[in-house]
Every structure is written in structure tokens, then in C-alpha cells.
Protein backbone atom coordinates (compact mmCIF):
# COMPACT_ATOMS: atom_id res chain seq x y z
CA MET A 1 122.28 193.62 -25.87
CA HIS A 2 125.17 195.89 -26.79
CA ILE A 3 127.60 197.41 -24.32
CA ARG A 4 130.08 200.11 -25.22
CA ARG A 5 133.77 200.03 -24.30
CA ARG A 6 133.41 202.83 -21.75
CA GLN A 7 130.50 201.03 -20.08
CA PHE A 8 132.53 197.82 -19.96
CA LEU A 9 135.48 199.56 -18.36
CA GLN A 10 133.27 201.38 -15.88
CA GLN A 11 131.39 198.24 -14.86
CA GLY A 12 134.22 195.76 -15.25
CA THR A 13 137.41 197.43 -14.11
CA MET A 14 137.68 195.08 -11.15
CA ALA A 15 136.89 192.12 -13.32
CA ALA A 16 139.50 193.05 -15.90
CA ALA A 17 142.14 193.76 -13.26
CA GLY A 18 141.49 190.39 -11.71
CA THR A 19 141.82 188.51 -14.97
CA MET A 20 144.47 190.22 -17.07
CA LEU A 21 147.13 188.22 -15.25
CA ILE A 22 145.27 185.07 -16.34
CA PRO A 23 146.07 184.35 -20.01
CA GLN A 24 144.48 181.80 -22.27
CA PHE A 25 145.38 178.65 -20.40
CA LEU A 26 142.80 176.05 -21.15
CA GLN A 27 139.90 175.73 -23.57
CA ALA A 28 137.28 178.35 -24.35
CA LEU A 29 133.95 177.98 -22.59
CA GLY A 30 132.13 174.84 -23.64
CA GLN A 31 135.02 173.16 -25.49
CA PRO A 32 136.33 169.69 -24.55
CA GLN A 33 138.98 169.52 -21.85
CA VAL A 34 142.61 169.08 -22.82
CA ALA A 35 144.56 165.89 -22.28
CA ALA A 36 145.85 165.16 -18.80
CA VAL A 37 149.41 164.60 -17.68
CA PRO A 38 149.36 160.86 -16.87
CA PRO A 39 151.66 159.05 -14.43
CA GLY A 40 155.06 158.62 -16.02
CA THR A 41 155.07 162.06 -17.62
CA LYS A 42 157.79 164.28 -16.20
CA VAL A 43 156.85 167.33 -14.13
CA LEU A 44 159.23 170.12 -13.14
CA VAL A 45 158.85 172.12 -9.92
CA VAL A 46 161.05 175.24 -9.74
CA LEU A 47 161.57 176.64 -6.23
CA GLN A 48 163.00 180.16 -6.21
CA LEU A 49 164.92 181.20 -3.08
CA SER A 50 164.34 184.93 -3.44
CA GLY A 51 166.76 187.50 -2.10
CA GLY A 52 170.08 185.77 -2.67
CA ASN A 53 170.53 182.76 -0.39
CA ASP A 54 173.97 182.33 1.18
CA GLY A 55 175.24 179.16 -0.49
CA LEU A 56 178.37 178.88 1.66
CA ASN A 57 176.26 178.50 4.80
CA THR A 58 173.97 176.09 2.97
CA ILE A 59 176.53 173.60 1.65
CA ILE A 60 179.39 174.12 4.07
CA PRO A 61 183.11 173.45 3.45
CA VAL A 62 183.66 172.20 7.00
CA ARG A 63 187.42 171.55 6.58
CA ASN A 64 188.25 174.79 4.81
CA ASP A 65 190.19 177.20 7.03
CA ILE A 66 189.56 180.12 4.66
CA TYR A 67 185.82 179.70 5.22
CA TYR A 68 186.16 180.01 8.99
CA ARG A 69 188.68 182.87 8.82
CA SER A 70 186.32 184.76 6.53
CA ARG A 71 183.34 184.12 8.79
CA PRO A 72 184.47 184.15 12.42
CA ARG A 73 180.96 185.00 13.68
CA ILE A 74 178.59 183.32 11.24
CA GLY A 75 180.54 180.32 9.97
CA ILE A 76 178.70 177.09 10.82
CA ALA A 77 180.86 174.83 12.95
CA LYS A 78 181.61 171.36 11.69
CA ASP A 79 179.97 169.73 14.70
CA LYS A 80 176.72 171.60 13.98
CA ALA A 81 176.59 170.97 10.23
CA LEU A 82 174.96 167.77 9.04
CA ALA A 83 177.72 165.72 7.41
CA LEU A 84 177.40 164.85 3.73
CA THR A 85 181.04 163.83 3.29
CA ASP A 86 184.20 164.21 5.35
CA GLU A 87 184.73 167.60 3.72
CA VAL A 88 181.21 168.91 3.28
CA GLY A 89 178.18 169.50 5.49
CA ILE A 90 174.70 170.92 5.05
CA HIS A 91 172.92 173.54 7.17
CA PRO A 92 171.59 171.96 10.39
CA ALA A 93 167.99 173.01 9.66
CA LEU A 94 167.91 171.01 6.41
CA THR A 95 167.39 167.58 7.92
CA HIS A 96 165.09 166.31 5.16
CA PHE A 97 167.60 167.44 2.53
CA LYS A 98 170.26 165.46 4.36
CA GLN A 99 167.93 162.44 4.31
CA CYS A 100 167.33 162.82 0.57
CA TYR A 101 171.10 163.06 0.05
CA ASP A 102 171.72 159.89 2.07
CA GLN A 103 169.02 158.01 0.15
CA GLY A 104 170.37 159.01 -3.27
CA GLU A 105 167.45 161.30 -4.04
CA MET A 106 169.27 164.62 -4.29
CA ALA A 107 171.97 166.19 -6.42
CA ILE A 108 173.89 169.37 -5.57
CA LEU A 109 175.57 171.59 -8.13
CA ASN A 110 178.08 174.13 -6.83
CA SER A 111 179.38 177.44 -8.21
CA VAL A 112 176.47 178.08 -10.58
CA GLY A 113 176.25 181.56 -12.09
CA TYR A 114 176.92 183.50 -15.28
CA PRO A 115 179.62 185.72 -16.83
CA ASN A 116 179.82 189.38 -15.79
CA PRO A 117 177.49 188.93 -12.81
CA ASP A 118 175.15 191.67 -11.63
CA ARG A 119 174.69 192.17 -7.88
CA SER A 120 171.31 193.90 -8.12
CA HIS A 121 168.43 191.70 -6.94
CA PHE A 122 166.12 192.87 -9.70
CA ARG A 123 168.59 192.73 -12.57
CA SER A 124 170.14 189.41 -11.58
CA MET A 125 166.70 187.85 -11.12
CA ASP A 126 165.71 189.12 -14.57
CA ILE A 127 168.80 187.44 -16.00
CA TRP A 128 167.94 184.14 -14.34
CA HIS A 129 164.28 184.44 -15.37
CA SER A 130 164.94 185.34 -19.00
CA ALA A 131 168.22 183.42 -19.47
CA SER A 132 169.61 186.47 -21.25
CA PRO A 133 173.25 187.52 -21.37
CA SER A 134 173.99 189.93 -18.54
CA ASN A 135 174.34 192.83 -21.00
CA GLN A 136 170.98 192.26 -22.73
CA TYR A 137 167.39 192.84 -21.65
CA TRP A 138 164.78 190.29 -22.75
CA ASN A 139 161.05 190.52 -22.10
CA THR A 140 160.33 186.80 -22.21
CA GLY A 141 161.28 184.05 -19.77
CA TRP A 142 162.92 180.69 -20.36
CA LEU A 143 159.82 178.76 -19.29
CA GLY A 144 157.54 181.11 -21.21
CA ARG A 145 159.52 180.38 -24.36
CA TYR A 146 159.25 176.68 -23.53
CA LEU A 147 155.48 177.14 -23.58
CA ASP A 148 155.73 178.89 -26.95
CA ALA A 149 157.79 176.01 -28.34
CA ALA A 150 155.53 173.32 -26.87
CA CYS A 151 152.65 174.64 -28.94
CA ASN A 152 154.42 176.31 -31.89
CA GLY A 153 151.12 177.02 -33.62
CA THR A 154 150.22 173.34 -33.99
CA CYS A 155 147.97 172.84 -30.99
CA ALA A 156 144.99 174.59 -29.50
CA HIS A 157 146.55 174.71 -26.06
CA ALA A 158 150.21 174.52 -25.10
CA THR A 159 151.45 172.36 -22.27
CA GLN A 160 151.12 174.84 -19.47
CA ALA A 161 152.79 176.18 -16.33
CA LEU A 162 151.35 177.31 -13.01
CA GLU A 163 152.98 179.69 -10.56
CA ILE A 164 151.69 179.41 -7.02
CA ASP A 165 151.52 183.14 -6.40
CA ASP A 166 149.35 186.16 -7.10
CA VAL A 167 151.73 187.63 -9.69
CA LEU A 168 153.27 185.90 -12.68
CA SER A 169 157.07 185.96 -12.87
CA LEU A 170 158.96 186.91 -16.01
CA ALA A 171 160.27 183.33 -16.15
CA LEU A 172 156.83 182.09 -17.25
CA LYS A 173 156.04 184.77 -19.84
CA GLY A 174 156.47 183.87 -23.49
CA ASP A 175 155.73 185.71 -26.73
CA GLN A 176 152.57 183.75 -27.47
CA GLN A 177 151.92 181.71 -24.33
CA LYS A 178 152.11 182.49 -20.63
CA GLY A 179 151.84 180.53 -17.47
CA MET A 180 149.15 181.35 -14.94
CA ALA A 181 149.57 182.74 -11.44
CA VAL A 182 147.19 181.30 -8.85
CA GLN A 183 147.85 181.42 -5.11
CA ASP A 184 144.81 179.42 -4.03
CA PRO A 185 142.55 177.53 -6.48
CA ALA A 186 139.57 177.76 -4.11
CA ARG A 187 139.93 181.51 -3.69
CA LEU A 188 140.35 182.00 -7.44
CA TYR A 189 137.23 179.94 -8.09
CA SER A 190 135.24 181.89 -5.50
CA SER A 191 136.29 185.18 -7.07
CA SER A 192 135.33 183.93 -10.52
CA GLN A 193 131.75 183.35 -9.35
CA ASN A 194 131.19 187.08 -8.81
CA LYS A 195 127.76 188.06 -10.19
CA LEU A 196 129.27 191.08 -11.96
CA TYR A 197 131.53 188.85 -14.02
CA ARG A 198 128.63 186.60 -14.99
CA SER A 199 126.41 189.53 -15.90
CA LEU A 200 129.19 190.99 -18.06
CA LEU A 201 129.52 187.72 -19.92
CA ALA A 202 125.78 187.73 -20.55
CA THR A 203 126.22 190.97 -22.54
CA LYS A 204 129.06 189.75 -24.75
CA ALA A 205 127.11 188.78 -27.87
CA GLN A 206 127.85 190.60 -31.12
CA GLN A 207 130.29 193.16 -29.82
CA GLU A 208 131.52 195.61 -32.43
CA GLU A 209 134.71 196.82 -30.76
CA PRO A 210 137.83 194.57 -30.84
CA THR A 211 138.97 195.86 -27.43
CA ALA A 212 135.70 194.90 -25.79
CA ASN A 213 135.73 191.53 -27.54
CA TYR A 214 139.23 190.86 -26.22
CA LEU A 215 138.24 191.76 -22.66
CA TYR A 216 135.18 189.56 -22.81
CA LYS A 217 137.22 186.66 -24.14
CA THR A 218 139.81 187.14 -21.40
CA LEU A 219 137.08 187.22 -18.76
CA GLY A 220 135.46 184.08 -20.15
CA ASN A 221 138.75 182.21 -20.22
CA ALA A 222 139.54 183.33 -16.69
CA ILE A 223 136.26 182.01 -15.33
CA ASN A 224 136.72 178.75 -17.21
CA ASN A 225 140.32 178.39 -16.04
CA ALA A 226 139.37 179.01 -12.44
CA ASP A 227 136.70 176.32 -12.62
CA TYR A 228 139.07 173.82 -14.25
CA ILE A 229 141.92 174.34 -11.80
CA PHE A 230 139.62 174.27 -8.77
CA LYS A 231 138.04 170.99 -9.88
CA ALA A 232 141.46 169.50 -10.61
CA SER A 233 142.77 170.54 -7.20
CA LYS A 234 139.80 168.82 -5.56
CA ALA A 235 139.83 165.72 -7.75
CA SER A 236 142.84 164.18 -6.01
CA THR A 237 143.38 166.34 -2.96
CA SER A 238 146.46 165.36 -1.04
CA THR A 239 145.57 163.87 2.33
CA ALA A 240 149.15 164.13 3.61
CA THR A 241 150.05 166.42 6.49
CA TYR A 242 152.05 169.48 5.46
CA PRO A 243 153.35 172.31 7.65
CA SER A 244 150.90 175.23 7.93
CA THR A 245 153.44 177.58 6.34
CA GLU A 246 153.00 179.40 3.05
CA LEU A 247 155.46 177.08 1.31
CA GLY A 248 153.84 174.06 2.91
CA LYS A 249 150.42 175.11 1.60
CA SER A 250 151.87 175.85 -1.84
CA LEU A 251 153.59 172.47 -2.17
CA LYS A 252 150.43 170.70 -0.98
CA THR A 253 148.51 172.52 -3.73
CA ILE A 254 151.11 171.43 -6.26
CA ALA A 255 150.95 167.83 -5.03
CA SER A 256 147.16 167.79 -5.34
CA LEU A 257 147.40 169.09 -8.91
CA VAL A 258 150.12 166.58 -9.82
CA PHE A 259 147.82 163.79 -8.59
CA SER A 260 144.87 165.16 -10.59
CA ASP A 261 144.09 165.15 -14.32
CA ILE A 262 145.33 168.70 -14.96
CA ASN A 263 147.66 169.13 -17.95
CA THR A 264 150.39 171.09 -16.17
CA LYS A 265 154.04 170.07 -16.53
CA VAL A 266 155.76 173.04 -14.85
CA TYR A 267 155.10 174.50 -11.41
CA TYR A 268 156.83 177.55 -9.99
CA VAL A 269 156.95 178.68 -6.35
CA SER A 270 159.05 181.08 -4.26
CA LEU A 271 160.36 181.43 -0.71
CA GLY A 272 162.13 184.43 0.79
CA SER A 273 163.55 186.81 1.53
CA PHE A 274 167.10 185.48 1.88
CA ASP A 275 168.61 188.98 1.75
CA THR A 276 170.65 188.47 4.92
CA HIS A 277 172.70 191.64 5.33
CA THR A 278 172.08 191.49 9.09
CA ASN A 279 171.29 188.75 11.61
CA GLN A 280 171.86 186.04 9.02
CA ASP A 281 171.90 183.13 11.45
CA ASN A 282 168.33 183.64 12.62
CA GLN A 283 166.85 184.65 9.27
CA GLN A 284 168.38 181.85 7.25
CA ASN A 285 167.57 179.29 9.94
CA ARG A 286 163.92 180.40 10.00
CA LEU A 287 163.58 180.19 6.23
CA PHE A 288 165.42 176.87 6.04
CA THR A 289 163.12 175.44 8.71
CA GLU A 290 160.14 176.37 6.52
CA LEU A 291 161.88 175.02 3.41
CA ASN A 292 162.87 171.78 5.10
CA GLY A 293 159.43 171.01 6.50
CA ALA A 294 157.59 171.75 3.28
CA VAL A 295 159.96 169.86 0.98
CA GLY A 296 160.09 166.91 3.38
CA ALA A 297 156.29 166.62 3.33
CA PHE A 298 156.21 167.03 -0.46
CA VAL A 299 158.76 164.25 -1.02
CA SER A 300 156.92 161.88 1.33
CA ASP A 301 153.61 162.67 -0.38
CA LEU A 302 154.97 162.04 -3.88
CA LYS A 303 156.47 158.73 -2.76
CA ALA A 304 153.23 157.61 -1.13
CA GLN A 305 151.33 158.28 -4.36
CA GLY A 306 153.94 156.65 -6.59
CA ARG A 307 154.86 159.91 -8.39
CA PHE A 308 158.32 160.65 -6.97
CA ASP A 309 160.09 159.37 -10.08
CA ASP A 310 157.98 161.69 -12.25
CA VAL A 311 158.68 164.96 -10.39
CA LEU A 312 161.93 166.91 -10.24
CA LEU A 313 162.26 169.74 -7.71
CA CYS A 314 164.92 172.33 -8.60
CA THR A 315 166.02 175.26 -6.41
CA PHE A 316 167.87 178.42 -7.39
CA SER A 317 168.63 181.91 -6.08
CA GLU A 318 169.50 185.02 -8.07
CA PHE A 319 173.00 185.11 -6.57
CA GLY A 320 174.96 183.93 -3.55
CA ARG A 321 176.62 186.07 -0.90
CA ARG A 322 180.14 187.42 -0.46
CA VAL A 323 182.68 185.05 1.06
CA ALA A 324 183.55 187.36 3.97
CA GLN A 325 180.93 188.26 6.55
CA ASN A 326 180.07 191.93 7.00
CA GLY A 327 180.06 193.95 10.23
CA SER A 328 176.37 193.30 10.95
CA GLY A 329 176.36 189.55 11.41
CA GLY A 330 175.41 188.96 7.81
CA THR A 331 176.69 188.79 4.25
CA ASP A 332 176.37 191.12 1.28
CA HIS A 333 175.41 190.41 -2.34
CA GLY A 334 177.74 187.99 -4.09
CA THR A 335 177.81 185.91 -7.25
CA ALA A 336 177.90 182.15 -7.80
CA ASN A 337 175.74 179.79 -5.76
CA ASN A 338 174.57 176.21 -5.37
CA MET A 339 171.44 174.52 -6.72
CA PHE A 340 169.52 171.51 -5.39
CA PHE A 341 167.77 168.86 -7.48
CA VAL A 342 165.45 166.47 -5.64
CA GLY A 343 163.61 163.57 -7.25
CA GLY A 344 163.50 159.87 -7.97
CA GLY A 345 164.60 160.23 -11.59
CA LEU A 346 168.17 161.43 -11.07
CA LYS A 347 170.92 159.65 -12.99
CA ARG A 348 173.68 161.15 -10.85
CA LYS A 349 173.31 161.96 -7.17
CA GLY A 350 175.21 163.69 -4.41
CA LEU A 351 177.79 166.41 -5.02
CA LEU A 352 178.01 166.81 -8.79
CA ASN A 353 181.14 168.96 -8.82
CA ASP A 354 183.81 170.41 -6.57
CA MET A 355 183.10 172.86 -3.78
CA PRO A 356 183.78 176.56 -4.53
CA ASN A 357 187.41 177.64 -4.67
CA LEU A 358 187.85 180.08 -1.77
CA SER A 359 191.50 180.70 -2.61
CA THR A 360 190.79 182.34 -5.96
CA LEU A 361 188.16 185.06 -5.77
CA GLU A 362 187.16 187.97 -7.97
CA ASN A 363 186.75 191.17 -5.95
CA GLY A 364 186.02 189.03 -2.90
CA ASP A 365 183.42 186.91 -4.66
CA LEU A 366 183.21 183.35 -5.94
CA ILE A 367 183.95 182.73 -9.61
CA HIS A 368 181.22 180.72 -11.29
CA GLN A 369 182.20 177.34 -12.71
CA VAL A 370 178.84 176.30 -14.22
CA ASP A 371 176.67 178.57 -16.38
CA PHE A 372 173.06 178.36 -15.24
CA LYS A 373 171.94 178.24 -18.88
CA ASN A 374 173.54 174.80 -19.12
CA VAL A 375 171.40 173.75 -16.15
CA TYR A 376 168.31 175.07 -17.94
CA ALA A 377 169.37 173.19 -21.06
CA THR A 378 169.53 169.99 -19.01
CA LEU A 379 166.05 170.52 -17.58
CA LEU A 380 164.62 171.38 -21.00
CA ASN A 381 166.36 168.66 -23.02
CA GLN A 382 166.48 165.79 -20.58
CA TRP A 383 163.37 166.34 -18.44
CA LEU A 384 160.84 168.29 -20.51
CA LYS A 385 162.06 166.87 -23.86
CA ALA A 386 162.29 170.28 -25.53
CA ASP A 387 164.82 171.93 -27.85
CA ALA A 388 166.92 173.87 -25.36
CA ASN A 389 169.09 175.68 -27.90
CA ALA A 390 166.05 177.08 -29.68
CA ILE A 391 164.40 178.12 -26.42
CA LEU A 392 167.52 179.62 -24.83
CA GLY A 393 168.70 181.24 -28.06
CA THR A 394 172.30 180.15 -27.65
CA PRO A 395 174.33 176.93 -27.89
CA THR A 396 174.39 175.16 -24.53
CA GLN A 397 175.95 172.07 -23.03
CA ALA A 398 173.52 169.84 -21.18
CA LEU A 399 174.75 168.14 -18.00
CA ASP A 400 174.30 164.47 -17.16
CA PHE A 401 172.52 164.34 -13.80
CA ILE A 402 169.09 163.52 -15.34
């Protein structure tokens, strides 16, 4: 039975819209499944703190008078911060992060950023996602290019990445390969069982038009991917208790997939918004409470299943906030920020470098001391065993914390 392009688009607009975000991820229908990621293989979980988290109220310079003079209303008092050292504390809502720090399971990198910083949420996030210079616009992401390199034309299916969301971020889009966005494997599987999709596939034989062939192939891959991911998520479902928050559900999904036989090495998830221009105390505390509960459950789950040494959780935000508070009980867009690394495979732990210099600012903002591309190089070279310079397109200097 033949079906023309117009008929396909009329009958399958919903199907196409639901699958175009789902690239070729696994095998075509009927082919053997790809190799799993066995215990011992390293897995990266990237946690994006969207909106520009305030790093100075996250890792707090509790003995720095400039900090308290700059933030008379929102500065976190030393007796409320959770002590990491005599000079440094962590936000009081991050109790599990404090525990990880005390147990040697967390590293903190301060003053991370890039030259000529941009204070626009969208532009700065694009720079972090693509790893481009701040004066260039790239349409691929650093993890997408990692996927391109992992295959490089020599394998049927690249080592893949999953974003726990409904929309795929630029970070996971490569030239040839892309990650896959899936909020809920069960919901994706249920959607893929739609009778319309199945009936469309039944008409796919001997199509004459390349466009229709491409759409059919995309639809077939989407249905197959949904089935594979759903079965993997159920194969080793985490039985641990997680908070009933969005991040808690997302990290439980990731844990279940890590414990399964799926071939995914990179997971990506977001929490936000940390755009705290007003009422920062309450907003940041609420988000940190969600972050703390979800990450605490995730760490405990990985340990219980013997996978904590295999998984590295990395956090970032597109920029930090200004040093001085504003007139609305908040902070405005800034520049450099801190990053967390949580896992059992760290070679260096604790505070990896000095706290930000509050005495020397640039237009009221922190001056970055570590280029985030060197952090990416570390994750690519040391954790994912990839060629960072080729992927990032520039010479980089890997760090030594993993």
C-alpha cells in the first residue's frame, strides 16, 4: 500500500511532532540490541542549575567581612552555615552535600567561568552548552560532539546520552548524533503504542519519496527506542525511597537506568529557576531543599547497589550572581560561579581551589579563575576517556580531581 507525503503529514502530524525530538538512538526495528554499560564503566550525570544560582550563598566565605558588608540583608550568618572549614560554610539546606564533603565524596571548584562573560541567561547558557568562545555561535553541544566522536563512523550506534526532560538541550546535540529527551519512560512507551503510529508503520513498504521514507524511519526508531528504554527502566527499578519532587523522580529514573542493561553513559537533568532577583532567601532555600533531598537519595541508592564509584554527578549554572545584593532582597546576574562534583571515584576531594577574591572585582562581579572548558576537558578525558581537544575544538588543560 502506497501513501503520499501529503497523506502522511495529514494523518501523522502528531506522530511526527512527537518523534522528531527522538533521533536514531538504538537499533532499527528487529536488529540485535546494543551492548550494555556494565558495572565498572564510568557514567556522567550533569545537573544544570538553571537561572544562575548564587554561588556566594552556596559556598559561603563565613570570615570575609566584604561578603557581609555587600550583603547586609541576605548574607548567610556563620552560625547558620554548615561548616566545611574554619573559613568556609555551605548553605544550611544542603545537609547531604555537607555529609558528602565530610566523607570525602565531593569536590568543589570555585570561580569557574569564561573570558568576556555574557550576563544573558540564554546566551550564557548557549556558551556553556556549546563550549564556544563568547564571541562565537555554535549549533552543536559539547556532549553532542562527544557522541559524534564516540561513533566516528565506525559503529552502528554511538554511546548515547539521555536528558530527563521533554526537550533536548543544545548540550546534547551533535552534527551526526544526538542524545534523547525523555521525561518519563513509561509515558513515552504508552504514547508510542498509539494505534495511529502502528497503522502508519504498516503502510511504510516501498515508499517512493525520500521525505516520507525519512519520517517513517524516524517513527519506527522512536517506537523501538521507547520500548527499549521502558524495558530497561523496569529491568532494575530502584526500590529506594526518593522525594516526590520532580528532581527526585528524575534521579530515581536515572538510577534505575544505571542499574539496568541500557547502554547510556551520559545523563542530563535540570533544576530551576535560580533567577533570584527578589526574595532570594526563600527561593534558593526551596530549590536547595529539593536538590538536597534528591541528591541525598541518589547517592544512597548508588552506594546500596555498588555503583557509586562508577557515577560522577556534576553541577553547573550559566553564571553566578553579583557580589552586592540589590534593593529587592535578591541578587542580579553575575559571572563566575562554583561547581560540585559528587562520586566515589574522585582523586581529589574538598575545596579544590581558593574561594573567590572579593577584593578585586570587575564591574562589581567576580573574575573567573578557572575556564569551564578545562572542566569539560577533565570530564571528557579522565572520566569518559574521549579526546577533549578534538571535541572542544581548542587546546585545554585537564584538571586532576578525577
